[in-house]
Amino acid sequence: MRETSLETGEVDLGLVLAPLAMLPGDPTARLASGRFVRSTLTPEGPGTIAVA
């Protein structure tokens, strides 16, 4: 597992990341207050990204 942290300042995650998911019907993505999680299949196997 690899974890990367980047400081971005104040960002509206809903506005920036919503185009990556077909919310609310996308079962692979969750958008909550201040947190976006998306699962996907990669050539190396399943992967998940969490942005908070």
C-alpha atoms as a PDB file:
ATOM      1  CA  MET A   1       0.000   0.000   0.000  1.00  0.00           C
ATOM      2  CA  ARG A   2       1.213   3.483  -0.840  1.00  0.00           C
ATOM      3  CA  GLU A   3       0.044   6.691   0.837  1.00  0.00           C
ATOM      4  CA  THR A   4       0.701  10.198  -0.421  1.00  0.00           C
ATOM      5  CA  SER A   5      -0.256  13.461   1.266  1.00  0.00           C
ATOM      6  CA  LEU A   6      -0.417  16.837  -0.451  1.00  0.00           C
ATOM      7  CA  GLU A   7      -1.358  20.147   1.148  1.00  0.00           C
ATOM      8  CA  THR A   8      -3.905  21.923  -1.061  1.00  0.00           C
ATOM      9  CA  GLY A   9      -5.496  24.475   1.226  1.00  0.00           C
ATOM     10  CA  GLU A  10      -9.247  25.030   1.164  1.00  0.00           C
ATOM     11  CA  VAL A  11     -10.835  22.915  -1.586  1.00  0.00           C
ATOM     12  CA  ASP A  12     -14.526  22.094  -2.111  1.00  0.00           C
ATOM     13  CA  LEU A  13     -14.237  18.319  -2.628  1.00  0.00           C
ATOM     14  CA  GLY A  14     -17.818  18.040  -3.843  1.00  0.00           C
ATOM     15  CA  LEU A  15     -17.247  20.588  -6.569  1.00  0.00           C
ATOM     16  CA  VAL A  16     -13.837  19.292  -7.647  1.00  0.00           C
ATOM     17  CA  LEU A  17     -14.329  15.511  -7.428  1.00  0.00           C
ATOM     18  CA  ALA A  18     -18.031  14.960  -8.176  1.00  0.00           C
ATOM     19  CA  PRO A  19     -17.348  14.636 -11.948  1.00  0.00           C
ATOM     20  CA  LEU A  20     -15.326  11.486 -11.142  1.00  0.00           C
ATOM     21  CA  ALA A  21     -18.459   9.734  -9.890  1.00  0.00           C
ATOM     22  CA  MET A  22     -22.026   9.435 -11.022  1.00  0.00           C
ATOM     23  CA  LEU A  23     -23.317  10.298  -7.556  1.00  0.00           C
ATOM     24  CA  PRO A  24     -25.569   9.254  -5.900  1.00  0.00           C
ATOM     25  CA  GLY A  25     -26.001   6.118  -8.029  1.00  0.00           C
ATOM     26  CA  ASP A  26     -22.322   5.159  -8.371  1.00  0.00           C
ATOM     27  CA  PRO A  27     -21.633   2.190  -6.038  1.00  0.00           C
ATOM     28  CA  THR A  28     -17.857   2.701  -6.410  1.00  0.00           C
ATOM     29  CA  ALA A  29     -17.756   6.213  -4.942  1.00  0.00           C
ATOM     30  CA  ARG A  30     -18.720   7.882  -1.689  1.00  0.00           C
ATOM     31  CA  LEU A  31     -18.749  11.604  -1.051  1.00  0.00           C
ATOM     32  CA  ALA A  32     -19.188  12.720   2.545  1.00  0.00           C
ATOM     33  CA  SER A  33     -18.419  15.958   4.338  1.00  0.00           C
ATOM     34  CA  GLY A  34     -14.758  16.603   3.610  1.00  0.00           C
ATOM     35  CA  ARG A  35     -13.991  13.103   2.272  1.00  0.00           C
ATOM     36  CA  PHE A  36     -14.196  11.390  -1.146  1.00  0.00           C
ATOM     37  CA  VAL A  37     -13.523   7.650  -1.565  1.00  0.00           C
ATOM     38  CA  ARG A  38     -13.499   5.790  -4.884  1.00  0.00           C
ATOM     39  CA  SER A  39     -12.720   2.148  -5.675  1.00  0.00           C
ATOM     40  CA  THR A  40     -11.639   0.869  -9.066  1.00  0.00           C
ATOM     41  CA  LEU A  41      -9.939  -2.011 -10.807  1.00  0.00           C
ATOM     42  CA  THR A  42      -6.373  -1.478 -11.992  1.00  0.00           C
ATOM     43  CA  PRO A  43      -4.043  -3.723 -14.013  1.00  0.00           C
ATOM     44  CA  GLU A  44      -2.411  -4.675 -10.685  1.00  0.00           C
ATOM     45  CA  GLY A  45      -5.745  -5.468  -8.949  1.00  0.00           C
ATOM     46  CA  PRO A  46      -8.353  -3.555  -6.956  1.00  0.00           C
ATOM     47  CA  GLY A  47      -7.480  -0.070  -5.723  1.00  0.00           C
ATOM     48  CA  THR A  48      -9.033   2.628  -3.580  1.00  0.00           C
ATOM     49  CA  ILE A  49      -8.338   6.342  -3.370  1.00  0.00           C
ATOM     50  CA  ALA A  50      -9.445   8.410  -0.395  1.00  0.00           C
ATOM     51  CA  VAL A  51      -9.240  12.205  -0.510  1.00  0.00           C
ATOM     52  CA  ALA A  52      -9.872  14.139   2.689  1.00  0.00           C
END
